[in-house]
Amino acid sequence: MSYEHHVLNPATEELVATVPATTVHEVDTAVVRAAAAQRTWSALAPADRARALRRFAVKVDEHLEELARLEVREAGHTIGNARWEAGNVRDLLDYAAGGVERLSGRQIPVPGGLNVTLLEPLGVVGVIAPWNFPMPIAAWGTAPALAAGNAVLLKPAETTPLTALRLAELALESGLPEHLFQVLPGAGDVTGNALVEHPGVAKIVFTGSTRVGKQIMATCADRVKRVTLELGGKSPNIVFADADIEAAAAATPMSFLDNSGQDCCARTRVLVQRSAYDRFMERLGPAIESVVVGDPAEEKTQMGPLISKVQLERVRSYVTGDLDTITGSAPEGPGFWFPPTVVTGVDPAAPVAAEEVFGPVAVVLPFEDEADAVRLANATEYGLSGSIWTRDSGRAIRVSQAVRAGNLSVNSHASVRYWTPFGGYQQSGLGRELGPDALTAFTETKNVFISTESTEA
């Protein structure tokens, strides 16, 4: 029996497309085809693989606006964000192409011979991408995996398959071998499970909830299959009294409202030193109220809708009527809209302060001193991102070392740069993506010893 997924525009609830779901049998066929394509691809000269990826990058760049508009319709992202996302795919392909000819092993000094290591591709890699950033996160796994000589099977989220399918078409148009990069739309418990369980898939790259990530990790462990996991977050935004309070307050809204808060890196716990709390809040309120929420296709829009009705109801469940809040505005009528919301006066252990809401909601919590700030920042099962606002460089270094998170920014909210590694501590995931070592995560290390001892009698 075949199934279909309906793709809705989150801003209007209108049907955008209907996409057939990939069956278990079709996954098996895709793996076989990918394995054959991978053998041809990995046998190419490194320079030829690099040129092929650059042609793919050029093709993406030529269709950047088309991809961005498609992302607006299927994911509700603002047009500015969507253009950045399509550009990020292009940039990742270019960056990965630059690593193809630099993917080298080592010569290790040993007695009695020459010892070298070789970095060889894994084979077929499964990438399971989320709905919150469908294009860039798909590329985080796909670009370095292809560059390292692997084939890629990409399963997009059920709600956002359209940009992935278009990227696969552009890959073929750019000249990548057929079946090397395939997109397999479908449900996680069918198509996703088939990828995870398939013996012909050497590695799974998954971005999504911690709950599902644990299930995937357990299945991969049973098969001794490699896995990279990028999971949840509840990131702190630590504002010390010696910081530029005006700058910190002005930057806070979009640190948790970008992509309507549907971001694992969202700074949803705003920790403010008590002596600066009132000054900070005086500036934060107007900044929240000024955020432009509306039609994501409009250039002026800063925040769009949530992805679905299910997600909207989840966010609503965290913001009950008895909470003290500062709220912005949001459209009424069709669409999955929720206003920018800041919650104050709650206990740090309250669900809205401790759990990942994955919506445009943040809490503000006061702290006393540096030790108290670190304690609050680390009082979470997650450890993905965070920000530290201070003019004291020594404090910036001390707190950066003390906060248990994989990606920290000082006097900014930057989390993701394709030049630098990305990943989390604790329940936020396993492994690292992006950066100069991204390709090696998709390789096997083979050690070769060549004896130089004489064999003459």
Protein backbone atom coordinates (compact mmCIF):
# COMPACT_ATOMS: atom_id res chain seq x y z
CA MET A 1 0.00 0.00 0.00
CA SER A 2 1.35 3.45 -0.89
CA TYR A 3 0.92 6.57 1.22
CA GLU A 4 1.13 10.29 0.54
CA HIS A 5 2.10 13.28 2.66
CA HIS A 6 0.29 16.59 2.35
CA VAL A 7 2.57 19.63 2.49
CA LEU A 8 0.76 22.66 3.94
CA ASN A 9 1.76 26.32 3.88
CA PRO A 10 2.10 27.12 7.62
CA ALA A 11 1.13 30.76 7.06
CA THR A 12 -2.15 30.00 5.27
CA GLU A 13 -2.87 26.29 5.88
CA GLU A 14 -3.29 25.89 2.11
CA LEU A 15 -2.16 22.69 0.39
CA VAL A 16 1.18 23.23 -1.36
CA ALA A 17 1.85 19.72 -2.66
CA THR A 18 1.17 16.03 -2.17
CA VAL A 19 4.27 13.85 -2.02
CA PRO A 20 4.34 10.02 -2.26
CA ALA A 21 5.98 8.29 0.70
CA THR A 22 8.90 5.92 0.14
CA THR A 23 8.13 2.30 1.02
CA VAL A 24 10.49 -0.12 2.75
CA HIS A 25 10.98 -1.97 -0.55
CA GLU A 26 11.86 1.30 -2.29
CA VAL A 27 14.42 2.09 0.42
CA ASP A 28 16.06 -1.27 -0.23
CA THR A 29 16.20 -0.56 -3.97
CA ALA A 30 17.64 2.89 -3.30
CA VAL A 31 20.42 1.43 -1.12
CA VAL A 32 21.42 -1.06 -3.81
CA ARG A 33 21.52 1.66 -6.46
CA ALA A 34 23.41 4.02 -4.16
CA ALA A 35 26.06 1.39 -3.42
CA ALA A 36 26.71 0.91 -7.13
CA ALA A 37 26.90 4.67 -7.74
CA GLN A 38 29.23 5.09 -4.77
CA ARG A 39 31.77 2.66 -6.14
CA THR A 40 31.98 4.68 -9.38
CA TRP A 41 32.05 8.00 -7.52
CA SER A 42 34.81 7.03 -5.09
CA ALA A 43 36.96 5.72 -7.96
CA LEU A 44 37.05 9.18 -9.58
CA ALA A 45 40.16 11.30 -9.21
CA PRO A 46 39.78 13.68 -6.25
CA ALA A 47 39.96 16.71 -8.52
CA ASP A 48 37.07 15.37 -10.60
CA ARG A 49 34.91 14.84 -7.52
CA ALA A 50 35.72 18.34 -6.33
CA ARG A 51 34.79 19.86 -9.69
CA ALA A 52 31.50 17.92 -9.70
CA LEU A 53 30.56 19.30 -6.27
CA ARG A 54 31.43 22.82 -7.37
CA ARG A 55 29.17 22.44 -10.39
CA PHE A 56 26.42 21.37 -8.00
CA ALA A 57 27.09 24.51 -5.92
CA VAL A 58 26.83 26.69 -9.03
CA LYS A 59 23.52 25.05 -9.96
CA VAL A 60 22.15 25.75 -6.46
CA ASP A 61 23.27 29.36 -6.73
CA GLU A 62 21.49 29.72 -10.08
CA HIS A 63 18.25 28.55 -8.43
CA LEU A 64 18.73 30.27 -5.06
CA GLU A 65 15.61 32.44 -5.24
CA GLU A 66 13.48 29.50 -6.42
CA LEU A 67 14.69 27.37 -3.51
CA ALA A 68 14.11 30.21 -1.05
CA ARG A 69 10.53 30.79 -2.23
CA LEU A 70 9.86 27.06 -1.98
CA GLU A 71 11.14 27.10 1.60
CA VAL A 72 8.81 29.99 2.43
CA ARG A 73 5.83 28.03 1.16
CA GLU A 74 6.58 24.68 2.77
CA ALA A 75 8.22 25.76 6.04
CA GLY A 76 6.91 29.28 6.70
CA HIS A 77 10.41 30.73 6.94
CA THR A 78 10.89 34.42 6.32
CA ILE A 79 12.20 35.14 2.85
CA GLY A 80 15.42 36.59 4.27
CA ASN A 81 16.11 33.44 6.27
CA ALA A 82 15.20 31.22 3.33
CA ARG A 83 17.67 32.99 1.04
CA TRP A 84 20.37 32.49 3.66
CA GLU A 85 19.50 28.80 3.89
CA ALA A 86 19.75 28.22 0.14
CA GLY A 87 23.01 30.15 0.12
CA ASN A 88 24.27 28.00 2.95
CA VAL A 89 23.71 24.87 0.85
CA ARG A 90 25.75 26.44 -1.94
CA ASP A 91 28.52 27.47 0.46
CA LEU A 92 28.66 24.05 2.12
CA LEU A 93 29.08 22.34 -1.24
CA ASP A 94 31.89 24.74 -2.13
CA TYR A 95 33.57 24.28 1.25
CA ALA A 96 33.29 20.48 1.10
CA ALA A 97 34.66 20.47 -2.45
CA GLY A 98 37.75 22.23 -1.14
CA GLY A 99 38.34 19.36 1.27
CA VAL A 100 38.28 16.56 -1.31
CA GLU A 101 41.90 17.04 -2.37
CA ARG A 102 43.01 17.68 1.22
CA LEU A 103 41.53 14.52 2.73
CA SER A 104 44.83 12.95 3.64
CA GLY A 105 46.07 10.32 6.05
CA ARG A 106 49.33 10.39 8.00
CA GLN A 107 52.79 8.89 7.93
CA ILE A 108 53.58 7.60 11.42
CA PRO A 109 57.20 6.88 12.43
CA VAL A 110 57.63 3.21 13.36
CA PRO A 111 60.66 0.90 13.54
CA GLY A 112 61.36 -1.49 10.69
CA GLY A 113 59.23 0.06 8.01
CA LEU A 114 56.93 2.75 6.71
CA ASN A 115 53.50 3.24 8.28
CA VAL A 116 50.72 5.24 6.64
CA THR A 117 47.02 5.73 7.26
CA LEU A 118 44.40 5.94 4.53
CA LEU A 119 41.00 7.63 4.85
CA GLU A 120 38.45 5.64 2.87
CA PRO A 121 34.73 6.36 2.35
CA LEU A 122 32.18 4.47 4.42
CA GLY A 123 29.90 3.65 1.48
CA VAL A 124 26.22 4.63 1.72
CA VAL A 125 25.24 7.28 4.29
CA GLY A 126 21.69 7.96 5.49
CA VAL A 127 20.86 11.57 6.39
CA ILE A 128 17.59 12.17 8.27
CA ALA A 129 16.87 15.90 8.19
CA PRO A 130 14.40 17.90 10.32
CA TRP A 131 11.65 20.32 9.36
CA ASN A 132 13.01 23.36 11.18
CA PHE A 133 15.94 24.00 8.79
CA PRO A 134 15.27 21.60 5.91
CA MET A 135 17.91 22.81 3.43
CA PRO A 136 21.01 23.67 5.46
CA ILE A 137 20.87 20.76 7.89
CA ALA A 138 20.37 18.35 5.00
CA ALA A 139 23.51 19.83 3.45
CA TRP A 140 25.48 19.54 6.71
CA GLY A 141 25.52 15.77 6.25
CA THR A 142 25.19 15.49 2.49
CA ALA A 143 27.99 17.80 1.34
CA PRO A 144 30.87 16.34 3.40
CA ALA A 145 29.64 12.77 2.91
CA LEU A 146 29.69 13.19 -0.89
CA ALA A 147 33.05 14.96 -0.73
CA ALA A 148 34.53 12.02 1.21
CA GLY A 149 33.45 9.65 -1.56
CA ASN A 150 30.17 8.34 -0.19
CA ALA A 151 26.66 8.07 -1.63
CA VAL A 152 23.85 9.79 0.30
CA LEU A 153 20.23 8.83 0.93
CA LEU A 154 18.40 11.84 2.36
CA LYS A 155 15.10 11.45 4.20
CA PRO A 156 13.50 14.86 4.71
CA ALA A 157 10.82 15.54 7.30
CA GLU A 158 7.27 14.70 6.24
CA THR A 159 6.22 18.36 6.41
CA THR A 160 9.14 19.78 4.40
CA PRO A 161 10.24 17.47 1.55
CA LEU A 162 10.02 19.91 -1.37
CA THR A 163 13.38 21.69 -1.17
CA ALA A 164 15.16 18.35 -0.71
CA LEU A 165 13.48 16.92 -3.80
CA ARG A 166 14.43 20.00 -5.80
CA LEU A 167 18.05 19.78 -4.63
CA ALA A 168 18.20 16.17 -5.87
CA GLU A 169 16.98 17.36 -9.29
CA LEU A 170 19.62 20.09 -9.35
CA ALA A 171 22.30 17.54 -8.43
CA LEU A 172 21.43 15.50 -11.51
CA GLU A 173 21.26 18.61 -13.68
CA SER A 174 24.75 19.58 -12.49
CA GLY A 175 26.13 16.21 -13.60
CA LEU A 176 26.36 14.20 -10.38
CA PRO A 177 26.03 10.46 -11.12
CA GLU A 178 22.52 9.03 -11.06
CA HIS A 179 21.55 7.43 -7.71
CA LEU A 180 24.53 9.00 -5.89
CA PHE A 181 22.29 11.46 -4.06
CA GLN A 182 18.70 10.28 -3.61
CA VAL A 183 15.87 11.83 -1.63
CA LEU A 184 13.44 9.43 0.06
CA PRO A 185 10.36 11.24 1.45
CA GLY A 186 8.31 9.38 4.00
CA ALA A 187 7.38 8.87 7.63
CA GLY A 188 10.07 8.47 10.23
CA ASP A 189 8.67 5.21 11.56
CA VAL A 190 8.64 3.67 8.07
CA THR A 191 11.16 5.25 5.70
CA GLY A 192 13.43 6.49 8.47
CA ASN A 193 13.45 3.16 10.29
CA ALA A 194 14.16 1.31 7.05
CA LEU A 195 17.25 3.49 6.53
CA VAL A 196 18.44 3.05 10.10
CA GLU A 197 17.97 -0.71 10.06
CA HIS A 198 19.34 -1.40 6.57
CA PRO A 199 22.64 -3.35 6.63
CA GLY A 200 23.78 -1.54 3.49
CA VAL A 201 23.73 1.88 5.18
CA ALA A 202 27.03 2.47 6.93
CA LYS A 203 26.17 5.59 8.93
CA ILE A 204 23.14 7.61 10.03
CA VAL A 205 23.19 11.37 10.50
CA PHE A 206 20.10 12.47 12.42
CA THR A 207 18.86 15.88 13.53
CA GLY A 208 15.69 15.96 15.59
CA SER A 209 14.29 15.28 19.04
CA THR A 210 16.33 13.70 21.80
CA ARG A 211 13.67 11.00 22.21
CA VAL A 212 13.93 9.82 18.59
CA GLY A 213 17.70 10.27 18.61
CA LYS A 214 17.99 7.80 21.47
CA GLN A 215 15.90 5.26 19.57
CA ILE A 216 18.10 5.63 16.50
CA MET A 217 21.24 5.34 18.60
CA ALA A 218 19.98 2.11 20.17
CA THR A 219 19.16 0.60 16.78
CA CYS A 220 22.54 1.62 15.36
CA ALA A 221 24.31 0.23 18.44
CA ASP A 222 22.69 -3.16 17.85
CA ARG A 223 24.15 -3.13 14.33
CA VAL A 224 27.46 -1.44 15.29
CA LYS A 225 26.55 1.34 12.88
CA ARG A 226 28.07 4.81 13.09
CA VAL A 227 25.80 7.67 14.07
CA THR A 228 25.94 11.43 14.43
CA LEU A 229 23.14 13.03 16.45
CA GLU A 230 22.17 16.69 16.72
CA LEU A 231 19.31 16.82 19.21
CA GLY A 232 17.58 19.26 21.56
CA GLY A 233 18.65 22.36 23.41
CA LYS A 234 17.68 24.81 26.13
CA SER A 235 20.42 27.35 25.65
CA PRO A 236 21.33 30.14 28.09
CA ASN A 237 21.84 33.80 27.25
CA ILE A 238 23.93 35.08 30.18
CA VAL A 239 23.93 38.87 30.68
CA PHE A 240 26.34 40.24 33.29
CA ALA A 241 25.90 43.68 34.83
CA ASP A 242 29.15 44.90 33.24
CA ALA A 243 27.86 44.14 29.72
CA ASP A 244 26.52 46.64 27.22
CA ILE A 245 22.98 46.23 28.50
CA GLU A 246 21.42 48.14 25.61
CA ALA A 247 23.14 45.93 23.04
CA ALA A 248 22.34 42.74 24.96
CA ALA A 249 18.66 43.62 25.28
CA ALA A 250 18.38 44.66 21.63
CA ALA A 251 19.95 41.38 20.47
CA THR A 252 17.90 39.14 22.77
CA PRO A 253 14.60 38.94 20.82
CA MET A 254 16.01 37.37 17.66
CA SER A 255 18.24 35.07 19.71
CA PHE A 256 15.11 33.04 20.46
CA LEU A 257 12.61 34.29 17.85
CA ASP A 258 14.60 33.43 14.74
CA ASN A 259 12.67 30.77 12.81
CA SER A 260 9.80 31.35 15.27
CA GLY A 261 11.89 29.78 18.02
CA GLN A 262 12.01 26.45 16.19
CA ASP A 263 15.77 26.23 16.64
CA CYS A 264 17.77 23.92 18.88
CA CYS A 265 20.20 26.80 19.47
CA ALA A 266 17.51 29.29 20.56
CA ARG A 267 18.58 31.23 23.66
CA THR A 268 15.38 30.51 25.56
CA ARG A 269 16.82 30.93 29.07
CA VAL A 270 17.81 34.57 29.51
CA LEU A 271 19.94 34.80 32.67
CA VAL A 272 20.41 38.41 33.86
CA GLN A 273 22.53 39.56 36.80
CA ARG A 274 20.16 40.89 39.44
CA SER A 275 21.84 44.30 39.70
CA ALA A 276 21.12 44.90 35.99
CA TYR A 277 17.77 43.09 35.83
CA ASP A 278 15.49 46.15 35.88
CA ARG A 279 17.59 48.05 33.32
CA PHE A 280 17.59 45.04 31.03
CA MET A 281 13.84 44.44 31.29
CA GLU A 282 13.05 48.11 30.60
CA ARG A 283 14.76 47.70 27.24
CA LEU A 284 13.66 44.15 26.46
CA GLY A 285 9.92 44.85 26.56
CA PRO A 286 9.87 47.40 23.72
CA ALA A 287 12.29 45.26 21.71
CA ILE A 288 9.92 42.26 21.91
CA GLU A 289 6.88 44.36 21.03
CA SER A 290 8.61 45.81 17.95
CA VAL A 291 9.30 42.45 16.27
CA VAL A 292 7.43 42.26 12.95
CA VAL A 293 5.43 39.03 12.76
CA GLY A 294 3.51 38.29 9.58
CA ASP A 295 3.58 37.05 6.00
CA PRO A 296 6.96 35.30 5.64
CA ALA A 297 7.13 36.27 1.96
CA GLU A 298 7.28 39.97 2.89
CA GLU A 299 10.78 41.46 3.07
CA LYS A 300 10.08 43.34 6.32
CA THR A 301 8.87 40.27 8.25
CA GLN A 302 11.14 39.13 11.07
CA MET A 303 9.14 36.14 12.32
CA GLY A 304 6.70 33.82 10.58
CA PRO A 305 4.35 31.05 11.76
CA LEU A 306 5.05 27.77 13.48
CA ILE A 307 5.34 24.71 11.25
CA SER A 308 2.04 22.97 12.10
CA LYS A 309 -1.05 22.84 14.25
CA VAL A 310 0.59 20.13 16.36
CA GLN A 311 3.54 22.41 17.10
CA LEU A 312 1.24 25.35 17.83
CA GLU A 313 -0.68 23.34 20.42
CA ARG A 314 2.57 22.17 21.99
CA VAL A 315 3.80 25.74 22.43
CA ARG A 316 0.44 26.89 23.80
CA SER A 317 0.58 24.18 26.46
CA TYR A 318 3.65 25.81 28.02
CA VAL A 319 2.25 29.34 28.30
CA THR A 320 -0.69 29.11 30.67
CA GLY A 321 -2.86 32.00 31.77
CA ASP A 322 -1.30 32.37 35.23
CA LEU A 323 2.20 33.24 33.95
CA ASP A 324 3.61 36.77 33.87
CA THR A 325 4.47 37.53 30.26
CA ILE A 326 5.59 40.20 27.86
CA THR A 327 4.11 39.53 24.44
CA GLY A 328 4.36 40.90 20.95
CA SER A 329 1.75 40.63 18.24
CA ALA A 330 0.84 37.91 15.73
CA PRO A 331 -1.70 37.66 12.91
CA GLU A 332 -5.13 36.21 13.51
CA GLY A 333 -7.00 33.87 11.19
CA PRO A 334 -5.54 31.02 9.14
CA GLY A 335 -2.01 29.89 9.86
CA PHE A 336 -0.13 28.54 12.86
CA TRP A 337 0.65 31.81 14.63
CA PHE A 338 1.98 32.41 18.14
CA PRO A 339 3.23 35.80 19.39
CA PRO A 340 6.75 36.49 20.67
CA THR A 341 6.55 35.77 24.39
CA VAL A 342 8.83 36.39 27.37
CA VAL A 343 7.95 34.74 30.68
CA THR A 344 9.14 36.20 34.00
CA GLY A 345 8.85 35.29 37.65
CA VAL A 346 9.01 31.52 37.24
CA ASP A 347 11.06 28.93 39.06
CA PRO A 348 14.04 27.65 37.03
CA ALA A 349 12.57 24.14 37.34
CA ALA A 350 9.19 25.11 35.83
CA PRO A 351 8.44 23.26 32.56
CA VAL A 352 8.59 26.44 30.47
CA ALA A 353 12.05 27.18 31.92
CA ALA A 354 13.45 23.65 31.88
CA GLU A 355 11.98 21.93 28.79
CA GLU A 356 12.54 22.64 25.12
CA VAL A 357 9.40 24.51 24.02
CA PHE A 358 10.56 24.86 20.38
CA GLY A 359 8.58 28.02 19.83
CA PRO A 360 8.89 31.81 20.27
CA VAL A 361 8.99 31.64 24.07
CA ALA A 362 11.82 32.55 26.45
CA VAL A 363 12.09 32.91 30.23
CA VAL A 364 14.11 35.54 32.08
CA LEU A 365 15.80 34.40 35.29
CA PRO A 366 17.91 36.56 37.64
CA PHE A 367 21.28 35.45 39.03
CA GLU A 368 23.53 36.85 41.75
CA ASP A 369 27.14 36.37 40.68
CA GLU A 370 29.38 34.48 38.25
CA ALA A 371 29.14 31.19 40.12
CA ASP A 372 25.35 31.44 40.24
CA ALA A 373 25.22 32.20 36.50
CA VAL A 374 27.27 29.10 35.69
CA ARG A 375 25.13 26.99 38.01
CA LEU A 376 21.92 28.12 36.30
CA ALA A 377 23.41 27.78 32.83
CA ASN A 378 24.41 24.17 33.52
CA ALA A 379 21.14 23.23 35.27
CA THR A 380 19.82 21.46 32.18
CA GLU A 381 20.09 18.08 30.52
CA TYR A 382 21.08 19.81 27.28
CA GLY A 383 24.29 21.52 26.21
CA LEU A 384 24.14 22.79 22.65
CA SER A 385 24.66 26.56 22.52
CA GLY A 386 24.78 29.71 24.61
CA SER A 387 25.79 33.35 24.79
CA ILE A 388 27.78 35.36 27.31
CA TRP A 389 27.50 39.15 27.50
CA THR A 390 30.29 40.93 29.40
CA ARG A 391 32.99 43.56 28.91
CA ASP A 392 35.40 41.58 31.13
CA SER A 393 37.57 39.39 28.87
CA GLY A 394 38.74 37.28 31.81
CA ARG A 395 35.15 36.57 32.80
CA ALA A 396 34.28 35.74 29.21
CA ILE A 397 37.00 33.10 29.13
CA ARG A 398 36.21 31.68 32.58
CA VAL A 399 32.49 31.36 31.89
CA SER A 400 33.10 29.93 28.41
CA GLN A 401 35.22 27.23 30.00
CA ALA A 402 32.69 26.56 32.76
CA VAL A 403 29.46 26.37 30.72
CA ARG A 404 28.90 22.86 29.38
CA ALA A 405 27.83 23.50 25.81
CA GLY A 406 29.29 22.76 22.41
CA ASN A 407 28.90 26.24 20.88
CA LEU A 408 29.28 29.49 22.77
CA SER A 409 29.35 33.12 21.64
CA VAL A 410 30.62 36.13 23.55
CA ASN A 411 28.71 39.38 22.99
CA SER A 412 26.82 37.79 20.09
CA HIS A 413 24.39 34.98 19.36
CA ALA A 414 26.21 33.25 16.50
CA SER A 415 25.96 29.46 16.73
CA VAL A 416 26.50 28.01 13.27
CA ARG A 417 29.30 28.73 10.85
CA TYR A 418 30.18 26.12 8.26
CA TRP A 419 33.90 26.76 8.85
CA THR A 420 33.68 25.63 12.51
CA PRO A 421 32.53 22.43 14.28
CA PHE A 422 28.97 22.19 15.58
CA GLY A 423 27.48 19.80 18.11
CA GLY A 424 26.40 19.43 21.71
CA TYR A 425 27.09 18.05 25.15
CA GLN A 426 24.88 15.69 27.14
CA GLN A 427 21.36 15.17 25.72
CA SER A 428 22.05 17.61 22.87
CA GLY A 429 23.75 14.99 20.75
CA LEU A 430 26.75 12.96 19.77
CA GLY A 431 29.58 13.88 17.41
CA ARG A 432 30.32 17.06 15.51
CA GLU A 433 29.30 18.41 12.12
CA LEU A 434 30.73 21.16 9.89
CA GLY A 435 34.20 22.65 10.16
CA PRO A 436 37.55 21.47 8.82
CA ASP A 437 37.10 17.89 10.11
CA ALA A 438 33.64 17.30 8.65
CA LEU A 439 34.84 14.98 5.86
CA THR A 440 36.75 12.68 8.20
CA ALA A 441 33.49 11.84 10.02
CA PHE A 442 32.45 9.99 6.85
CA THR A 443 35.59 7.89 6.48
CA GLU A 444 37.22 4.73 7.77
CA THR A 445 40.85 4.93 8.89
CA LYS A 446 42.95 2.14 7.43
CA ASN A 447 46.46 1.55 8.75
CA VAL A 448 49.10 0.14 6.37
CA PHE A 449 52.59 -1.00 7.47
CA ILE A 450 55.24 -1.64 4.81
CA SER A 451 58.28 -3.48 6.06
CA THR A 452 61.68 -2.15 4.99
CA GLU A 453 63.58 -5.05 6.48
CA SER A 454 65.78 -6.85 3.96
CA THR A 455 64.53 -10.25 2.79
CA GLU A 456 67.89 -11.26 1.32
CA ALA A 457 69.52 -14.37 2.73
